[in-house]
Amino acid sequence: MDAITCDPTSDRFFASGSHDKTIKLWDAQKPQKALNILTGNKNGIWCLNYSHDGKRLVSASSDGLCKIWDVKSGKCTTEFTGH
């Protein structure tokens, strides 16, 4: 795991990013299995942060991509290059 961030609207949910190119969404009360796994980066996740309302995640990786993810759907909604 390279990055971790807590949902600012709940002390229960958090997300982790890793070398394996995934973002995993977790419930701290049920840590045995990720709630969802977000994929789509070519390289590992280096940085991860929730939006202030907990509805989106921003990820960055060494492939030069910064992505915005919808937490509920697990889909990338916006992608920026060259960060």
PDB file of N, CA and C in Angstrom:
ATOM      1  N   MET A   1       0.846  -1.165   0.000  1.00  0.00           N
ATOM      2  CA  MET A   1       0.000   0.000   0.000  1.00  0.00           C
ATOM      3  C   MET A   1       0.899   1.238   0.000  1.00  0.00           C
ATOM      4  N   ASP A   2       0.584   2.174  -0.881  1.00  0.00           N
ATOM      5  CA  ASP A   2       1.361   3.410  -1.000  1.00  0.00           C
ATOM      6  C   ASP A   2       0.596   4.641  -0.545  1.00  0.00           C
ATOM      7  N   ALA A   3      -0.724   4.570  -0.559  1.00  0.00           N
ATOM      8  CA  ALA A   3      -1.535   5.736  -0.214  1.00  0.00           C
ATOM      9  C   ALA A   3      -2.766   5.282   0.554  1.00  0.00           C
ATOM     10  N   ILE A   4      -3.198   6.115   1.477  1.00  0.00           N
ATOM     11  CA  ILE A   4      -4.416   5.831   2.235  1.00  0.00           C
ATOM     12  C   ILE A   4      -5.093   7.159   2.556  1.00  0.00           C
ATOM     13  N   THR A   5      -6.419   7.159   2.543  1.00  0.00           N
ATOM     14  CA  THR A   5      -7.176   8.357   2.875  1.00  0.00           C
ATOM     15  C   THR A   5      -8.490   7.941   3.536  1.00  0.00           C
ATOM     16  N   CYS A   6      -8.935   8.740   4.478  1.00  0.00           N
ATOM     17  CA  CYS A   6     -10.180   8.472   5.203  1.00  0.00           C
ATOM     18  C   CYS A   6     -11.299   9.337   4.665  1.00  0.00           C
ATOM     19  N   ASP A   7     -12.474   8.767   4.573  1.00  0.00           N
ATOM     20  CA  ASP A   7     -13.667   9.494   4.157  1.00  0.00           C
ATOM     21  C   ASP A   7     -13.931  10.592   5.195  1.00  0.00           C
ATOM     22  N   PRO A   8     -13.957  11.858   4.789  1.00  0.00           N
ATOM     23  CA  PRO A   8     -14.150  12.938   5.758  1.00  0.00           C
ATOM     24  C   PRO A   8     -15.553  13.018   6.343  1.00  0.00           C
ATOM     25  N   THR A   9     -16.488  12.268   5.784  1.00  0.00           N
ATOM     26  CA  THR A   9     -17.862  12.308   6.285  1.00  0.00           C
ATOM     27  C   THR A   9     -18.183  11.142   7.218  1.00  0.00           C
ATOM     28  N   SER A  10     -17.212  10.234   7.385  1.00  0.00           N
ATOM     29  CA  SER A  10     -17.465   9.043   8.206  1.00  0.00           C
ATOM     30  C   SER A  10     -16.151   8.522   8.768  1.00  0.00           C
ATOM     31  N   ASP A  11     -16.168   8.069  10.003  1.00  0.00           N
ATOM     32  CA  ASP A  11     -14.968   7.463  10.574  1.00  0.00           C
ATOM     33  C   ASP A  11     -14.904   5.967  10.254  1.00  0.00           C
ATOM     34  N   ARG A  12     -15.804   5.515   9.429  1.00  0.00           N
ATOM     35  CA  ARG A  12     -15.922   4.093   9.111  1.00  0.00           C
ATOM     36  C   ARG A  12     -15.256   3.701   7.780  1.00  0.00           C
ATOM     37  N   PHE A  13     -15.269   4.587   6.779  1.00  0.00           N
ATOM     38  CA  PHE A  13     -14.817   4.234   5.442  1.00  0.00           C
ATOM     39  C   PHE A  13     -13.476   4.873   5.105  1.00  0.00           C
ATOM     40  N   PHE A  14     -12.664   4.123   4.341  1.00  0.00           N
ATOM     41  CA  PHE A  14     -11.386   4.641   3.883  1.00  0.00           C
ATOM     42  C   PHE A  14     -11.011   3.985   2.561  1.00  0.00           C
ATOM     43  N   ALA A  15     -10.008   4.530   1.897  1.00  0.00           N
ATOM     44  CA  ALA A  15      -9.543   4.006   0.614  1.00  0.00           C
ATOM     45  C   ALA A  15      -8.031   3.855   0.663  1.00  0.00           C
ATOM     46  N   SER A  16      -7.534   2.850  -0.056  1.00  0.00           N
ATOM     47  CA  SER A  16      -6.096   2.638  -0.158  1.00  0.00           C
ATOM     48  C   SER A  16      -5.707   2.510  -1.623  1.00  0.00           C
ATOM     49  N   GLY A  17      -4.497   2.942  -1.940  1.00  0.00           N
ATOM     50  CA  GLY A  17      -3.951   2.808  -3.287  1.00  0.00           C
ATOM     51  C   GLY A  17      -2.628   2.084  -3.213  1.00  0.00           C
ATOM     52  N   SER A  18      -2.289   1.338  -4.272  1.00  0.00           N
ATOM     53  CA  SER A  18      -1.133   0.453  -4.172  1.00  0.00           C
ATOM     54  C   SER A  18      -0.358   0.314  -5.471  1.00  0.00           C
ATOM     55  N   HIS A  19       0.811  -0.348  -5.352  1.00  0.00           N
ATOM     56  CA  HIS A  19       1.655  -0.688  -6.504  1.00  0.00           C
ATOM     57  C   HIS A  19       0.909  -1.550  -7.520  1.00  0.00           C
ATOM     58  N   ASP A  20      -0.083  -2.276  -7.067  1.00  0.00           N
ATOM     59  CA  ASP A  20      -0.793  -3.194  -7.965  1.00  0.00           C
ATOM     60  C   ASP A  20      -1.789  -2.468  -8.878  1.00  0.00           C
ATOM     61  N   LYS A  21      -1.729  -1.120  -8.891  1.00  0.00           N
ATOM     62  CA  LYS A  21      -2.529  -0.280  -9.800  1.00  0.00           C
ATOM     63  C   LYS A  21      -4.003  -0.208  -9.418  1.00  0.00           C
ATOM     64  N   THR A  22      -4.328  -0.564  -8.190  1.00  0.00           N
ATOM     65  CA  THR A  22      -5.725  -0.538  -7.767  1.00  0.00           C
ATOM     66  C   THR A  22      -5.958   0.442  -6.626  1.00  0.00           C
ATOM     67  N   ILE A  23      -7.195   0.882  -6.532  1.00  0.00           N
ATOM     68  CA  ILE A  23      -7.692   1.624  -5.381  1.00  0.00           C
ATOM     69  C   ILE A  23      -8.751   0.729  -4.752  1.00  0.00           C
ATOM     70  N   LYS A  24      -8.611   0.493  -3.461  1.00  0.00           N
ATOM     71  CA  LYS A  24      -9.581  -0.350  -2.766  1.00  0.00           C
ATOM     72  C   LYS A  24     -10.341   0.479  -1.746  1.00  0.00           C
ATOM     73  N   LEU A  25     -11.655   0.320  -1.740  1.00  0.00           N
ATOM     74  CA  LEU A  25     -12.532   0.997  -0.793  1.00  0.00           C
ATOM     75  C   LEU A  25     -12.850   0.025   0.335  1.00  0.00           C
ATOM     76  N   TRP A  26     -12.739   0.517   1.564  1.00  0.00           N
ATOM     77  CA  TRP A  26     -12.852  -0.347   2.739  1.00  0.00           C
ATOM     78  C   TRP A  26     -13.871   0.169   3.740  1.00  0.00           C
ATOM     79  N   ASP A  27     -14.424  -0.757   4.500  1.00  0.00           N
ATOM     80  CA  ASP A  27     -15.256  -0.471   5.666  1.00  0.00           C
ATOM     81  C   ASP A  27     -14.442  -0.923   6.877  1.00  0.00           C
ATOM     82  N   ALA A  28     -14.081  -0.010   7.753  1.00  0.00           N
ATOM     83  CA  ALA A  28     -13.237  -0.333   8.909  1.00  0.00           C
ATOM     84  C   ALA A  28     -13.898  -1.342   9.846  1.00  0.00           C
ATOM     85  N   GLN A  29     -15.210  -1.448   9.797  1.00  0.00           N
ATOM     86  CA  GLN A  29     -15.905  -2.411  10.647  1.00  0.00           C
ATOM     87  C   GLN A  29     -15.942  -3.813  10.031  1.00  0.00           C
ATOM     88  N   LYS A  30     -15.585  -3.905   8.742  1.00  0.00           N
ATOM     89  CA  LYS A  30     -15.539  -5.192   8.040  1.00  0.00           C
ATOM     90  C   LYS A  30     -14.291  -5.236   7.149  1.00  0.00           C
ATOM     91  N   PRO A  31     -13.103  -5.233   7.746  1.00  0.00           N
ATOM     92  CA  PRO A  31     -11.867  -5.098   6.956  1.00  0.00           C
ATOM     93  C   PRO A  31     -11.407  -6.373   6.234  1.00  0.00           C
ATOM     94  N   GLN A  32     -12.144  -7.449   6.328  1.00  0.00           N
ATOM     95  CA  GLN A  32     -11.726  -8.708   5.718  1.00  0.00           C
ATOM     96  C   GLN A  32     -11.725  -8.652   4.192  1.00  0.00           C
ATOM     97  N   LYS A  33     -12.606  -7.831   3.611  1.00  0.00           N
ATOM     98  CA  LYS A  33     -12.744  -7.779   2.154  1.00  0.00           C
ATOM     99  C   LYS A  33     -13.076  -6.354   1.720  1.00  0.00           C
ATOM    100  N   ALA A  34     -12.407  -5.892   0.664  1.00  0.00           N
ATOM    101  CA  ALA A  34     -12.668  -4.555   0.133  1.00  0.00           C
ATOM    102  C   ALA A  34     -14.110  -4.449  -0.361  1.00  0.00           C
ATOM    103  N   LEU A  35     -14.716  -3.279  -0.154  1.00  0.00           N
ATOM    104  CA  LEU A  35     -16.078  -3.033  -0.639  1.00  0.00           C
ATOM    105  C   LEU A  35     -16.115  -2.937  -2.156  1.00  0.00           C
ATOM    106  N   ASN A  36     -15.044  -2.354  -2.726  1.00  0.00           N
ATOM    107  CA  ASN A  36     -14.953  -2.177  -4.175  1.00  0.00           C
ATOM    108  C   ASN A  36     -13.490  -2.027  -4.538  1.00  0.00           C
ATOM    109  N   ILE A  37     -13.146  -2.388  -5.755  1.00  0.00           N
ATOM    110  CA  ILE A  37     -11.790  -2.223  -6.265  1.00  0.00           C
ATOM    111  C   ILE A  37     -11.873  -1.431  -7.558  1.00  0.00           C
ATOM    112  N   LEU A  38     -11.207  -0.276  -7.579  1.00  0.00           N
ATOM    113  CA  LEU A  38     -11.209   0.599  -8.747  1.00  0.00           C
ATOM    114  C   LEU A  38      -9.931   0.360  -9.535  1.00  0.00           C
ATOM    115  N   THR A  39     -10.057   0.173 -10.841  1.00  0.00           N
ATOM    116  CA  THR A  39      -8.901  -0.087 -11.694  1.00  0.00           C
ATOM    117  C   THR A  39      -8.902   0.851 -12.889  1.00  0.00           C
ATOM    118  N   GLY A  40      -7.746   0.985 -13.517  1.00  0.00           N
ATOM    119  CA  GLY A  40      -7.665   1.810 -14.721  1.00  0.00           C
ATOM    120  C   GLY A  40      -6.357   2.556 -14.857  1.00  0.00           C
ATOM    121  N   ASN A  41      -5.500   2.492 -13.845  1.00  0.00           N
ATOM    122  CA  ASN A  41      -4.195   3.139 -13.951  1.00  0.00           C
ATOM    123  C   ASN A  41      -3.185   2.172 -14.563  1.00  0.00           C
ATOM    124  N   LYS A  42      -2.219   2.731 -15.291  1.00  0.00           N
ATOM    125  CA  LYS A  42      -1.163   1.914 -15.897  1.00  0.00           C
ATOM    126  C   LYS A  42      -0.042   1.641 -14.910  1.00  0.00           C
ATOM    127  N   ASN A  43       0.121   2.497 -13.917  1.00  0.00           N
ATOM    128  CA  ASN A  43       1.141   2.341 -12.883  1.00  0.00           C
ATOM    129  C   ASN A  43       0.466   2.368 -11.518  1.00  0.00           C
ATOM    130  N   GLY A  44       1.258   2.127 -10.471  1.00  0.00           N
ATOM    131  CA  GLY A  44       0.726   2.120  -9.118  1.00  0.00           C
ATOM    132  C   GLY A  44       0.209   3.474  -8.669  1.00  0.00           C
ATOM    133  N   ILE A  45      -0.645   3.453  -7.676  1.00  0.00           N
ATOM    134  CA  ILE A  45      -1.232   4.668  -7.112  1.00  0.00           C
ATOM    135  C   ILE A  45      -0.269   5.236  -6.078  1.00  0.00           C
ATOM    136  N   TRP A  46       0.141   6.480  -6.264  1.00  0.00           N
ATOM    137  CA  TRP A  46       1.088   7.139  -5.354  1.00  0.00           C
ATOM    138  C   TRP A  46       0.401   8.063  -4.360  1.00  0.00           C
ATOM    139  N   CYS A  47      -0.736   8.622  -4.750  1.00  0.00           N
ATOM    140  CA  CYS A  47      -1.409   9.596  -3.904  1.00  0.00           C
ATOM    141  C   CYS A  47      -2.915   9.433  -4.073  1.00  0.00           C
ATOM    142  N   LEU A  48      -3.637   9.657  -2.974  1.00  0.00           N
ATOM    143  CA  LEU A  48      -5.072   9.423  -2.972  1.00  0.00           C
ATOM    144  C   LEU A  48      -5.717  10.344  -1.945  1.00  0.00           C
ATOM    145  N   ASN A  49      -6.864  10.939  -2.305  1.00  0.00           N
ATOM    146  CA  ASN A  49      -7.554  11.816  -1.372  1.00  0.00           C
ATOM    147  C   ASN A  49      -9.042  11.886  -1.705  1.00  0.00           C
ATOM    148  N   TYR A  50      -9.865  11.899  -0.652  1.00  0.00           N
ATOM    149  CA  TYR A  50     -11.309  12.095  -0.809  1.00  0.00           C
ATOM    150  C   TYR A  50     -11.630  13.568  -1.021  1.00  0.00           C
ATOM    151  N   SER A  51     -12.726  13.818  -1.719  1.00  0.00           N
ATOM    152  CA  SER A  51     -13.272  15.175  -1.764  1.00  0.00           C
ATOM    153  C   SER A  51     -13.892  15.479  -0.405  1.00  0.00           C
ATOM    154  N   HIS A  52     -14.160  16.749  -0.130  1.00  0.00           N
ATOM    155  CA  HIS A  52     -14.687  17.141   1.187  1.00  0.00           C
ATOM    156  C   HIS A  52     -16.042  16.511   1.511  1.00  0.00           C
ATOM    157  N   ASP A  53     -16.814  16.154   0.472  1.00  0.00           N
ATOM    158  CA  ASP A  53     -18.133  15.553   0.706  1.00  0.00           C
ATOM    159  C   ASP A  53     -18.101  14.022   0.692  1.00  0.00           C
ATOM    160  N   GLY A  54     -16.919  13.426   0.459  1.00  0.00           N
ATOM    161  CA  GLY A  54     -16.766  11.985   0.463  1.00  0.00           C
ATOM    162  C   GLY A  54     -17.331  11.271  -0.753  1.00  0.00           C
ATOM    163  N   LYS A  55     -17.761  12.016  -1.762  1.00  0.00           N
ATOM    164  CA  LYS A  55     -18.382  11.410  -2.939  1.00  0.00           C
ATOM    165  C   LYS A  55     -17.392  11.082  -4.050  1.00  0.00           C
ATOM    166  N   ARG A  56     -16.221  11.689  -4.003  1.00  0.00           N
ATOM    167  CA  ARG A  56     -15.224  11.481  -5.040  1.00  0.00           C
ATOM    168  C   ARG A  56     -13.852  11.202  -4.427  1.00  0.00           C
ATOM    169  N   LEU A  57     -13.017  10.536  -5.200  1.00  0.00           N
ATOM    170  CA  LEU A  57     -11.626  10.313  -4.844  1.00  0.00           C
ATOM    171  C   LEU A  57     -10.759  10.890  -5.958  1.00  0.00           C
ATOM    172  N   VAL A  58      -9.640  11.443  -5.593  1.00  0.00           N
ATOM    173  CA  VAL A  58      -8.646  11.886  -6.567  1.00  0.00           C
ATOM    174  C   VAL A  58      -7.432  10.988  -6.395  1.00  0.00           C
ATOM    175  N   SER A  59      -6.939  10.434  -7.498  1.00  0.00           N
ATOM    176  CA  SER A  59      -5.752   9.590  -7.441  1.00  0.00           C
ATOM    177  C   SER A  59      -4.690  10.132  -8.382  1.00  0.00           C
ATOM    178  N   ALA A  60      -3.437   9.871  -8.038  1.00  0.00           N
ATOM    179  CA  ALA A  60      -2.315  10.236  -8.895  1.00  0.00           C
ATOM    180  C   ALA A  60      -1.348   9.068  -8.941  1.00  0.00           C
ATOM    181  N   SER A  61      -0.714   8.896 -10.104  1.00  0.00           N
ATOM    182  CA  SER A  61       0.239   7.799 -10.265  1.00  0.00           C
ATOM    183  C   SER A  61       1.423   8.259 -11.091  1.00  0.00           C
ATOM    184  N   SER A  62       2.455   7.421 -11.124  1.00  0.00           N
ATOM    185  CA  SER A  62       3.682   7.783 -11.827  1.00  0.00           C
ATOM    186  C   SER A  62       3.529   7.770 -13.345  1.00  0.00           C
ATOM    187  N   ASP A  63       2.386   7.338 -13.857  1.00  0.00           N
ATOM    188  CA  ASP A  63       2.158   7.374 -15.303  1.00  0.00           C
ATOM    189  C   ASP A  63       1.749   8.769 -15.773  1.00  0.00           C
ATOM    190  N   GLY A  64       1.741   9.742 -14.839  1.00  0.00           N
ATOM    191  CA  GLY A  64       1.402  11.115 -15.184  1.00  0.00           C
ATOM    192  C   GLY A  64      -0.080  11.398 -15.193  1.00  0.00           C
ATOM    193  N   LEU A  65      -0.877  10.457 -14.702  1.00  0.00           N
ATOM    194  CA  LEU A  65      -2.329  10.637 -14.695  1.00  0.00           C
ATOM    195  C   LEU A  65      -2.850  10.989 -13.314  1.00  0.00           C
ATOM    196  N   CYS A  66      -3.781  11.896 -13.313  1.00  0.00           N
ATOM    197  CA  CYS A  66      -4.548  12.241 -12.124  1.00  0.00           C
ATOM    198  C   CYS A  66      -6.000  11.953 -12.495  1.00  0.00           C
ATOM    199  N   LYS A  67      -6.651  11.130 -11.695  1.00  0.00           N
ATOM    200  CA  LYS A  67      -8.024  10.727 -12.019  1.00  0.00           C
ATOM    201  C   LYS A  67      -8.966  11.104 -10.884  1.00  0.00           C
ATOM    202  N   ILE A  68     -10.180  11.438 -11.268  1.00  0.00           N
ATOM    203  CA  ILE A  68     -11.247  11.668 -10.303  1.00  0.00           C
ATOM    204  C   ILE A  68     -12.234  10.518 -10.449  1.00  0.00           C
ATOM    205  N   TRP A  69     -12.545   9.897  -9.320  1.00  0.00           N
ATOM    206  CA  TRP A  69     -13.398   8.716  -9.283  1.00  0.00           C
ATOM    207  C   TRP A  69     -14.690   9.008  -8.535  1.00  0.00           C
ATOM    208  N   ASP A  70     -15.781   8.482  -9.012  1.00  0.00           N
ATOM    209  CA  ASP A  70     -17.044   8.516  -8.294  1.00  0.00           C
ATOM    210  C   ASP A  70     -17.037   7.334  -7.328  1.00  0.00           C
ATOM    211  N   VAL A  71     -17.104   7.594  -6.037  1.00  0.00           N
ATOM    212  CA  VAL A  71     -16.996   6.539  -5.033  1.00  0.00           C
ATOM    213  C   VAL A  71     -18.159   5.555  -5.141  1.00  0.00           C
ATOM    214  N   LYS A  72     -19.357   6.056  -5.348  1.00  0.00           N
ATOM    215  CA  LYS A  72     -20.543   5.189  -5.382  1.00  0.00           C
ATOM    216  C   LYS A  72     -20.513   4.225  -6.573  1.00  0.00           C
ATOM    217  N   SER A  73     -20.196   4.723  -7.761  1.00  0.00           N
ATOM    218  CA  SER A  73     -20.210   3.875  -8.955  1.00  0.00           C
ATOM    219  C   SER A  73     -18.883   3.146  -9.180  1.00  0.00           C
ATOM    220  N   GLY A  74     -17.792   3.690  -8.632  1.00  0.00           N
ATOM    221  CA  GLY A  74     -16.472   3.108  -8.849  1.00  0.00           C
ATOM    222  C   GLY A  74     -15.877   3.441 -10.199  1.00  0.00           C
ATOM    223  N   LYS A  75     -16.460   4.396 -10.892  1.00  0.00           N
ATOM    224  CA  LYS A  75     -15.998   4.753 -12.238  1.00  0.00           C
ATOM    225  C   LYS A  75     -15.188   6.045 -12.228  1.00  0.00           C
ATOM    226  N   CYS A  76     -14.214   6.090 -13.128  1.00  0.00           N
ATOM    227  CA  CYS A  76     -13.428   7.304 -13.327  1.00  0.00           C
ATOM    228  C   CYS A  76     -14.291   8.293 -14.093  1.00  0.00           C
ATOM    229  N   THR A  77     -14.431   9.522 -13.568  1.00  0.00           N
ATOM    230  CA  THR A  77     -15.272  10.520 -14.229  1.00  0.00           C
ATOM    231  C   THR A  77     -14.446  11.564 -14.974  1.00  0.00           C
ATOM    232  N   THR A  78     -13.206  11.765 -14.558  1.00  0.00           N
ATOM    233  CA  THR A  78     -12.336  12.771 -15.172  1.00  0.00           C
ATOM    234  C   THR A  78     -10.900  12.297 -15.097  1.00  0.00           C
ATOM    235  N   GLU A  79     -10.133  12.635 -16.133  1.00  0.00           N
ATOM    236  CA  GLU A  79      -8.729  12.248 -16.171  1.00  0.00           C
ATOM    237  C   GLU A  79      -7.882  13.441 -16.640  1.00  0.00           C
ATOM    238  N   PHE A  80      -6.813  13.697 -15.917  1.00  0.00           N
ATOM    239  CA  PHE A  80      -5.883  14.768 -16.260  1.00  0.00           C
ATOM    240  C   PHE A  80      -4.517  14.142 -16.536  1.00  0.00           C
ATOM    241  N   THR A  81      -3.806  14.663 -17.502  1.00  0.00           N
ATOM    242  CA  THR A  81      -2.475  14.150 -17.811  1.00  0.00           C
ATOM    243  C   THR A  81      -1.412  15.188 -17.501  1.00  0.00           C
ATOM    244  N   GLY A  82      -0.198  14.700 -17.276  1.00  0.00           N
ATOM    245  CA  GLY A  82       0.954  15.586 -17.123  1.00  0.00           C
ATOM    246  C   GLY A  82       1.129  16.195 -15.759  1.00  0.00           C
ATOM    247  N   HIS A  83       0.606  15.574 -14.700  1.00  0.00           N
ATOM    248  CA  HIS A  83       0.792  16.142 -13.375  1.00  0.00           C
ATOM    249  C   HIS A  83       2.238  16.031 -12.955  1.00  0.00           C
TER     250      HIS A  83
END
